[in-house]
Amino acid sequence: MRGLRWAISVPVGLFLLVLASCQIAYPTHTFRYRLTVEVDTPQGLKTGSSVIEVKWKRKPPLGEAFSGGLPWSEKVRGVAPIVDLGSYGTLIASMWLLDRIAIHNWAAGAPTTAYSGKGPEDFTGREPQVQLTDRRLPQFVWYPANDYSPYAAKVVLPEAFSQSIGGGVRLHRVTIEPTRDPVVERLEPRPEWLAKLYSHLERYRNTPRQDRKLIPLRAYNLQPNSVQSDW
């Protein structure tokens, strides 16, 4: 019996030792932040915010080599900030950057971009609030009022809010700051506009891919699990 215990405890001990060594050599770092968007409209200041969490894990050398020299893997939780513009529609600060070539994870890179000079291992959670400007801003997706079909979505530039959304509509500011508030991963109950958008998705997901507009719902992490794989 003692020999059996020894035969079991040695492999288990070695496994735990290897696991602890990996956690030391390839650590995980987490940063939770609140992203807030403020928009000036003729109806007053409109705001929306969301708590987003980024978890970075150091890659082993082989993993780093296979990922083009990128030393960290990233995992993001949360949903994108949504700004209800009233009669001017709905504005979403996308968690991804969409272009004709690829989809880039903006939310994962936002902290290191906002707090330039800091790497994943440098965050303490006591950083000051920072206002994002120019190239540090997220990409904005806009839905006109009462039109939430997937084809209605438009990417709008911050400097063109008045021309694209309506006269007098301007980006006031976008800020990022550390928080300990909980992360919301699904909007429940769903806002009326999101429920309408989901209803359109059932028809949209059956259209040919080449006919789909290049604004997938995963850009702002609002998709239901049932259609997540379709984007």
C-alpha atoms as a PDB file:
ATOM      1  CA  MET A   1       0.000   0.000   0.000  1.00  0.00           C
ATOM      2  CA  ARG A   2       2.827   2.425   0.831  1.00  0.00           C
ATOM      3  CA  GLY A   3       4.422   1.607  -2.489  1.00  0.00           C
ATOM      4  CA  LEU A   4       1.164   2.362  -4.308  1.00  0.00           C
ATOM      5  CA  ARG A   5       0.845   5.723  -2.549  1.00  0.00           C
ATOM      6  CA  TRP A   6       4.430   6.524  -3.485  1.00  0.00           C
ATOM      7  CA  ALA A   7       3.808   5.543  -7.099  1.00  0.00           C
ATOM      8  CA  ILE A   8       0.826   7.896  -7.225  1.00  0.00           C
ATOM      9  CA  SER A   9       2.235  10.815  -5.235  1.00  0.00           C
ATOM     10  CA  VAL A  10       5.487  11.132  -7.200  1.00  0.00           C
ATOM     11  CA  PRO A  11       3.856  11.765 -10.629  1.00  0.00           C
ATOM     12  CA  VAL A  12       1.263  14.069  -9.058  1.00  0.00           C
ATOM     13  CA  GLY A  13       3.981  16.026  -7.268  1.00  0.00           C
ATOM     14  CA  LEU A  14       6.042  16.316 -10.430  1.00  0.00           C
ATOM     15  CA  PHE A  15       2.982  17.512 -12.357  1.00  0.00           C
ATOM     16  CA  LEU A  16       2.227  20.188  -9.751  1.00  0.00           C
ATOM     17  CA  LEU A  17       5.864  21.279  -9.783  1.00  0.00           C
ATOM     18  CA  VAL A  18       5.855  21.612 -13.575  1.00  0.00           C
ATOM     19  CA  LEU A  19       2.551  23.493 -13.428  1.00  0.00           C
ATOM     20  CA  ALA A  20       3.875  25.937 -10.834  1.00  0.00           C
ATOM     21  CA  SER A  21       7.068  26.444 -12.867  1.00  0.00           C
ATOM     22  CA  CYS A  22       5.021  27.242 -15.975  1.00  0.00           C
ATOM     23  CA  GLN A  23       2.934  29.781 -14.068  1.00  0.00           C
ATOM     24  CA  ILE A  24       6.103  31.512 -12.913  1.00  0.00           C
ATOM     25  CA  ALA A  25       7.837  31.376 -16.290  1.00  0.00           C
ATOM     26  CA  TYR A  26       4.694  32.263 -18.297  1.00  0.00           C
ATOM     27  CA  PRO A  27       2.550  34.454 -16.006  1.00  0.00           C
ATOM     28  CA  THR A  28      -0.938  35.831 -16.554  1.00  0.00           C
ATOM     29  CA  HIS A  29      -1.787  39.510 -16.043  1.00  0.00           C
ATOM     30  CA  THR A  30      -5.279  41.036 -15.893  1.00  0.00           C
ATOM     31  CA  PHE A  31      -6.443  44.623 -16.350  1.00  0.00           C
ATOM     32  CA  ARG A  32     -10.087  45.663 -15.990  1.00  0.00           C
ATOM     33  CA  TYR A  33     -11.109  49.056 -17.295  1.00  0.00           C
ATOM     34  CA  ARG A  34     -14.151  51.197 -17.936  1.00  0.00           C
ATOM     35  CA  LEU A  35     -14.462  52.633 -21.424  1.00  0.00           C
ATOM     36  CA  THR A  36     -16.737  55.697 -21.575  1.00  0.00           C
ATOM     37  CA  VAL A  37     -17.987  57.485 -24.688  1.00  0.00           C
ATOM     38  CA  GLU A  38     -19.529  60.972 -24.512  1.00  0.00           C
ATOM     39  CA  VAL A  39     -21.292  62.553 -27.482  1.00  0.00           C
ATOM     40  CA  ASP A  40     -22.620  66.102 -27.831  1.00  0.00           C
ATOM     41  CA  THR A  41     -26.039  66.349 -29.527  1.00  0.00           C
ATOM     42  CA  PRO A  42     -28.639  69.108 -29.929  1.00  0.00           C
ATOM     43  CA  GLN A  43     -30.588  67.181 -27.271  1.00  0.00           C
ATOM     44  CA  GLY A  44     -27.707  67.373 -24.794  1.00  0.00           C
ATOM     45  CA  LEU A  45     -24.742  65.232 -23.799  1.00  0.00           C
ATOM     46  CA  LYS A  46     -25.255  61.499 -24.365  1.00  0.00           C
ATOM     47  CA  THR A  47     -23.009  58.926 -22.690  1.00  0.00           C
ATOM     48  CA  GLY A  48     -22.427  55.210 -22.649  1.00  0.00           C
ATOM     49  CA  SER A  49     -19.866  53.049 -20.882  1.00  0.00           C
ATOM     50  CA  SER A  50     -18.866  49.452 -20.379  1.00  0.00           C
ATOM     51  CA  VAL A  51     -16.469  47.450 -18.234  1.00  0.00           C
ATOM     52  CA  ILE A  52     -13.960  45.422 -20.232  1.00  0.00           C
ATOM     53  CA  GLU A  53     -11.387  42.978 -18.917  1.00  0.00           C
ATOM     54  CA  VAL A  54      -8.214  41.966 -20.714  1.00  0.00           C
ATOM     55  CA  LYS A  55      -6.195  38.948 -19.647  1.00  0.00           C
ATOM     56  CA  TRP A  56      -2.705  38.511 -21.065  1.00  0.00           C
ATOM     57  CA  LYS A  57      -0.754  35.281 -20.825  1.00  0.00           C
ATOM     58  CA  ARG A  58       2.937  35.029 -21.651  1.00  0.00           C
ATOM     59  CA  LYS A  59       3.646  32.596 -24.482  1.00  0.00           C
ATOM     60  CA  PRO A  60       6.443  30.023 -24.387  1.00  0.00           C
ATOM     61  CA  PRO A  61       9.185  30.585 -26.987  1.00  0.00           C
ATOM     62  CA  LEU A  62       7.675  28.140 -29.472  1.00  0.00           C
ATOM     63  CA  GLY A  63       4.252  29.790 -29.229  1.00  0.00           C
ATOM     64  CA  GLU A  64       5.828  33.205 -29.655  1.00  0.00           C
ATOM     65  CA  ALA A  65       7.691  32.052 -32.749  1.00  0.00           C
ATOM     66  CA  PHE A  66       4.557  30.615 -34.352  1.00  0.00           C
ATOM     67  CA  SER A  67       2.616  33.842 -33.714  1.00  0.00           C
ATOM     68  CA  GLY A  68       5.058  36.090 -35.518  1.00  0.00           C
ATOM     69  CA  GLY A  69       6.997  37.152 -32.449  1.00  0.00           C
ATOM     70  CA  LEU A  70       3.975  38.285 -30.411  1.00  0.00           C
ATOM     71  CA  PRO A  71       4.882  37.481 -26.770  1.00  0.00           C
ATOM     72  CA  TRP A  72       1.369  37.595 -25.255  1.00  0.00           C
ATOM     73  CA  SER A  73      -1.906  35.822 -25.908  1.00  0.00           C
ATOM     74  CA  GLU A  74      -5.017  37.873 -25.141  1.00  0.00           C
ATOM     75  CA  LYS A  75      -8.494  37.140 -23.836  1.00  0.00           C
ATOM     76  CA  VAL A  76     -11.164  39.828 -23.603  1.00  0.00           C
ATOM     77  CA  ARG A  77     -14.426  39.871 -21.623  1.00  0.00           C
ATOM     78  CA  GLY A  78     -17.169  42.475 -21.770  1.00  0.00           C
ATOM     79  CA  VAL A  79     -19.433  44.240 -24.230  1.00  0.00           C
ATOM     80  CA  ALA A  80     -18.903  47.428 -26.165  1.00  0.00           C
ATOM     81  CA  PRO A  81     -20.131  50.805 -24.877  1.00  0.00           C
ATOM     82  CA  ILE A  82     -23.474  51.777 -26.387  1.00  0.00           C
ATOM     83  CA  VAL A  83     -24.630  55.380 -26.635  1.00  0.00           C
ATOM     84  CA  ASP A  84     -28.352  56.018 -27.108  1.00  0.00           C
ATOM     85  CA  LEU A  85     -28.488  59.157 -29.242  1.00  0.00           C
ATOM     86  CA  GLY A  86     -32.267  59.452 -29.052  1.00  0.00           C
ATOM     87  CA  SER A  87     -33.716  60.507 -32.382  1.00  0.00           C
ATOM     88  CA  TYR A  88     -30.215  60.313 -33.875  1.00  0.00           C
ATOM     89  CA  GLY A  89     -29.969  56.551 -33.483  1.00  0.00           C
ATOM     90  CA  THR A  90     -27.537  54.328 -31.639  1.00  0.00           C
ATOM     91  CA  LEU A  91     -23.745  54.584 -31.539  1.00  0.00           C
ATOM     92  CA  ILE A  92     -21.484  51.666 -30.609  1.00  0.00           C
ATOM     93  CA  ALA A  93     -17.764  51.923 -29.805  1.00  0.00           C
ATOM     94  CA  SER A  94     -16.525  48.775 -31.484  1.00  0.00           C
ATOM     95  CA  MET A  95     -14.276  46.394 -29.540  1.00  0.00           C
ATOM     96  CA  TRP A  96     -12.670  45.443 -32.847  1.00  0.00           C
ATOM     97  CA  LEU A  97     -11.159  47.385 -35.731  1.00  0.00           C
ATOM     98  CA  LEU A  98     -12.588  46.326 -39.073  1.00  0.00           C
ATOM     99  CA  ASP A  99     -10.868  46.872 -42.388  1.00  0.00           C
ATOM    100  CA  ARG A 100     -10.858  45.227 -45.799  1.00  0.00           C
ATOM    101  CA  ILE A 101      -8.127  42.800 -44.801  1.00  0.00           C
ATOM    102  CA  ALA A 102      -8.700  41.679 -41.233  1.00  0.00           C
ATOM    103  CA  ILE A 103     -10.426  42.226 -37.898  1.00  0.00           C
ATOM    104  CA  HIS A 104      -8.157  43.518 -35.139  1.00  0.00           C
ATOM    105  CA  ASN A 105      -8.823  43.219 -31.403  1.00  0.00           C
ATOM    106  CA  TRP A 106      -8.921  46.881 -30.377  1.00  0.00           C
ATOM    107  CA  ALA A 107     -10.166  46.219 -26.836  1.00  0.00           C
ATOM    108  CA  ALA A 108      -7.197  43.988 -26.021  1.00  0.00           C
ATOM    109  CA  GLY A 109      -4.694  46.616 -27.105  1.00  0.00           C
ATOM    110  CA  ALA A 110      -6.504  49.642 -25.676  1.00  0.00           C
ATOM    111  CA  PRO A 111      -4.793  49.642 -22.235  1.00  0.00           C
ATOM    112  CA  THR A 112      -1.226  49.440 -23.542  1.00  0.00           C
ATOM    113  CA  THR A 113      -2.070  52.042 -26.196  1.00  0.00           C
ATOM    114  CA  ALA A 114      -3.753  54.437 -23.765  1.00  0.00           C
ATOM    115  CA  TYR A 115      -1.017  54.081 -21.153  1.00  0.00           C
ATOM    116  CA  SER A 116       1.867  54.208 -23.585  1.00  0.00           C
ATOM    117  CA  GLY A 117       5.065  52.701 -22.291  1.00  0.00           C
ATOM    118  CA  LYS A 118       3.290  50.104 -20.144  1.00  0.00           C
ATOM    119  CA  GLY A 119       3.301  46.409 -20.882  1.00  0.00           C
ATOM    120  CA  PRO A 120       0.830  43.807 -19.555  1.00  0.00           C
ATOM    121  CA  GLU A 121       3.062  43.154 -16.534  1.00  0.00           C
ATOM    122  CA  ASP A 122       3.154  46.848 -15.549  1.00  0.00           C
ATOM    123  CA  PHE A 123      -0.514  47.522 -14.729  1.00  0.00           C
ATOM    124  CA  THR A 124      -1.421  48.014 -11.081  1.00  0.00           C
ATOM    125  CA  GLY A 125      -5.093  49.016 -11.325  1.00  0.00           C
ATOM    126  CA  ARG A 126      -4.275  52.446  -9.904  1.00  0.00           C
ATOM    127  CA  GLU A 127      -3.647  54.197 -13.211  1.00  0.00           C
ATOM    128  CA  PRO A 128      -5.351  57.598 -13.754  1.00  0.00           C
ATOM    129  CA  GLN A 129      -8.216  58.223 -16.136  1.00  0.00           C
ATOM    130  CA  VAL A 130      -6.929  58.879 -19.650  1.00  0.00           C
ATOM    131  CA  GLN A 131      -8.689  60.592 -22.533  1.00  0.00           C
ATOM    132  CA  LEU A 132      -8.205  58.806 -25.837  1.00  0.00           C
ATOM    133  CA  THR A 133      -7.439  60.864 -28.911  1.00  0.00           C
ATOM    134  CA  ASP A 134      -6.778  60.459 -32.614  1.00  0.00           C
ATOM    135  CA  ARG A 135      -5.499  56.995 -33.524  1.00  0.00           C
ATOM    136  CA  ARG A 136      -6.149  55.653 -30.040  1.00  0.00           C
ATOM    137  CA  LEU A 137      -9.917  55.929 -30.495  1.00  0.00           C
ATOM    138  CA  PRO A 138     -12.100  52.882 -31.118  1.00  0.00           C
ATOM    139  CA  GLN A 139     -13.986  52.440 -34.352  1.00  0.00           C
ATOM    140  CA  PHE A 140     -17.590  53.664 -34.208  1.00  0.00           C
ATOM    141  CA  VAL A 141     -20.568  51.796 -35.628  1.00  0.00           C
ATOM    142  CA  TRP A 142     -23.820  53.741 -36.019  1.00  0.00           C
ATOM    143  CA  TYR A 143     -27.408  52.617 -36.518  1.00  0.00           C
ATOM    144  CA  PRO A 144     -29.978  55.200 -37.679  1.00  0.00           C
ATOM    145  CA  ALA A 145     -33.022  55.553 -35.436  1.00  0.00           C
ATOM    146  CA  ASN A 146     -35.552  52.725 -35.865  1.00  0.00           C
ATOM    147  CA  ASP A 147     -33.491  50.890 -38.478  1.00  0.00           C
ATOM    148  CA  TYR A 148     -31.610  47.983 -36.963  1.00  0.00           C
ATOM    149  CA  SER A 149     -31.197  45.662 -39.908  1.00  0.00           C
ATOM    150  CA  PRO A 150     -27.577  44.494 -40.309  1.00  0.00           C
ATOM    151  CA  TYR A 151     -27.376  46.378 -43.596  1.00  0.00           C
ATOM    152  CA  ALA A 152     -28.159  49.672 -41.847  1.00  0.00           C
ATOM    153  CA  ALA A 153     -24.953  49.657 -39.789  1.00  0.00           C
ATOM    154  CA  LYS A 154     -22.355  52.211 -40.827  1.00  0.00           C
ATOM    155  CA  VAL A 155     -18.806  52.840 -39.689  1.00  0.00           C
ATOM    156  CA  VAL A 156     -18.544  56.572 -38.937  1.00  0.00           C
ATOM    157  CA  LEU A 157     -15.391  58.609 -38.384  1.00  0.00           C
ATOM    158  CA  PRO A 158     -15.264  60.731 -35.198  1.00  0.00           C
ATOM    159  CA  GLU A 159     -14.581  63.890 -37.156  1.00  0.00           C
ATOM    160  CA  ALA A 160     -17.582  63.219 -39.415  1.00  0.00           C
ATOM    161  CA  PHE A 161     -20.307  62.658 -36.814  1.00  0.00           C
ATOM    162  CA  SER A 162     -22.182  65.809 -37.868  1.00  0.00           C
ATOM    163  CA  GLN A 163     -22.135  64.867 -41.552  1.00  0.00           C
ATOM    164  CA  SER A 164     -22.912  61.168 -41.027  1.00  0.00           C
ATOM    165  CA  ILE A 165     -25.271  61.197 -38.024  1.00  0.00           C
ATOM    166  CA  GLY A 166     -26.784  64.673 -37.951  1.00  0.00           C
ATOM    167  CA  GLY A 167     -26.013  68.343 -37.554  1.00  0.00           C
ATOM    168  CA  GLY A 168     -24.782  69.245 -34.100  1.00  0.00           C
ATOM    169  CA  VAL A 169     -23.701  65.685 -33.224  1.00  0.00           C
ATOM    170  CA  ARG A 170     -20.026  65.624 -32.190  1.00  0.00           C
ATOM    171  CA  LEU A 171     -17.744  63.328 -30.253  1.00  0.00           C
ATOM    172  CA  HIS A 172     -17.124  64.982 -26.888  1.00  0.00           C
ATOM    173  CA  ARG A 173     -14.540  62.582 -25.504  1.00  0.00           C
ATOM    174  CA  VAL A 174     -13.627  58.925 -24.909  1.00  0.00           C
ATOM    175  CA  THR A 175     -11.973  57.904 -21.641  1.00  0.00           C
ATOM    176  CA  ILE A 176     -10.443  54.782 -20.163  1.00  0.00           C
ATOM    177  CA  GLU A 177      -9.820  54.149 -16.468  1.00  0.00           C
ATOM    178  CA  PRO A 178      -9.195  51.163 -14.177  1.00  0.00           C
ATOM    179  CA  THR A 179     -12.169  49.756 -12.289  1.00  0.00           C
ATOM    180  CA  ARG A 180     -13.165  46.912  -9.997  1.00  0.00           C
ATOM    181  CA  ASP A 181     -16.761  46.942 -11.197  1.00  0.00           C
ATOM    182  CA  PRO A 182     -18.086  43.618 -12.503  1.00  0.00           C
ATOM    183  CA  VAL A 183     -17.845  42.723 -16.168  1.00  0.00           C
ATOM    184  CA  VAL A 184     -21.135  42.362 -18.041  1.00  0.00           C
ATOM    185  CA  GLU A 185     -20.834  39.825 -20.862  1.00  0.00           C
ATOM    186  CA  ARG A 186     -24.437  39.870 -22.097  1.00  0.00           C
ATOM    187  CA  LEU A 187     -26.978  42.670 -22.107  1.00  0.00           C
ATOM    188  CA  GLU A 188     -29.946  41.419 -20.098  1.00  0.00           C
ATOM    189  CA  PRO A 189     -32.640  42.479 -20.458  1.00  0.00           C
ATOM    190  CA  ARG A 190     -31.907  43.290 -24.074  1.00  0.00           C
ATOM    191  CA  PRO A 191     -32.528  46.869 -25.166  1.00  0.00           C
ATOM    192  CA  GLU A 192     -35.375  47.172 -27.674  1.00  0.00           C
ATOM    193  CA  TRP A 193     -32.989  48.059 -30.484  1.00  0.00           C
ATOM    194  CA  LEU A 194     -30.850  44.985 -29.814  1.00  0.00           C
ATOM    195  CA  ALA A 195     -33.895  42.714 -29.791  1.00  0.00           C
ATOM    196  CA  LYS A 196     -34.859  44.141 -33.192  1.00  0.00           C
ATOM    197  CA  LEU A 197     -31.331  43.582 -34.449  1.00  0.00           C
ATOM    198  CA  TYR A 198     -31.425  39.942 -33.343  1.00  0.00           C
ATOM    199  CA  SER A 199     -34.720  39.435 -35.163  1.00  0.00           C
ATOM    200  CA  HIS A 200     -33.095  40.613 -38.389  1.00  0.00           C
ATOM    201  CA  LEU A 201     -30.141  38.281 -37.849  1.00  0.00           C
ATOM    202  CA  GLU A 202     -32.137  35.135 -38.476  1.00  0.00           C
ATOM    203  CA  ARG A 203     -32.797  36.349 -42.020  1.00  0.00           C
ATOM    204  CA  TYR A 204     -29.328  37.864 -42.382  1.00  0.00           C
ATOM    205  CA  ARG A 205     -27.423  34.723 -41.423  1.00  0.00           C
ATOM    206  CA  ASN A 206     -29.094  32.830 -44.298  1.00  0.00           C
ATOM    207  CA  THR A 207     -27.906  35.276 -46.964  1.00  0.00           C
ATOM    208  CA  PRO A 208     -24.782  34.453 -49.010  1.00  0.00           C
ATOM    209  CA  ARG A 209     -21.594  35.501 -47.243  1.00  0.00           C
ATOM    210  CA  GLN A 210     -20.471  37.655 -50.150  1.00  0.00           C
ATOM    211  CA  ASP A 211     -23.639  39.737 -49.726  1.00  0.00           C
ATOM    212  CA  ARG A 212     -23.102  40.414 -46.039  1.00  0.00           C
ATOM    213  CA  LYS A 213     -22.005  43.843 -44.904  1.00  0.00           C
ATOM    214  CA  LEU A 214     -18.562  43.831 -43.266  1.00  0.00           C
ATOM    215  CA  ILE A 215     -19.723  44.823 -39.789  1.00  0.00           C
ATOM    216  CA  PRO A 216     -19.987  41.530 -37.849  1.00  0.00           C
ATOM    217  CA  LEU A 217     -21.646  41.621 -34.458  1.00  0.00           C
ATOM    218  CA  ARG A 218     -18.519  40.297 -32.799  1.00  0.00           C
ATOM    219  CA  ALA A 219     -17.084  43.753 -33.454  1.00  0.00           C
ATOM    220  CA  TYR A 220     -18.913  44.892 -30.361  1.00  0.00           C
ATOM    221  CA  ASN A 221     -19.421  41.556 -28.556  1.00  0.00           C
ATOM    222  CA  LEU A 222     -23.209  41.706 -28.588  1.00  0.00           C
ATOM    223  CA  GLN A 223     -23.937  38.533 -30.540  1.00  0.00           C
ATOM    224  CA  PRO A 224     -25.998  35.682 -29.125  1.00  0.00           C
ATOM    225  CA  ASN A 225     -24.057  32.450 -28.758  1.00  0.00           C
ATOM    226  CA  SER A 226     -26.187  30.786 -31.424  1.00  0.00           C
ATOM    227  CA  VAL A 227     -24.825  33.007 -34.184  1.00  0.00           C
ATOM    228  CA  GLN A 228     -21.355  33.725 -32.841  1.00  0.00           C
ATOM    229  CA  SER A 229     -19.686  31.193 -35.129  1.00  0.00           C
ATOM    230  CA  ASP A 230     -21.240  32.741 -38.205  1.00  0.00           C
ATOM    231  CA  TRP A 231     -19.112  35.883 -38.097  1.00  0.00           C
END
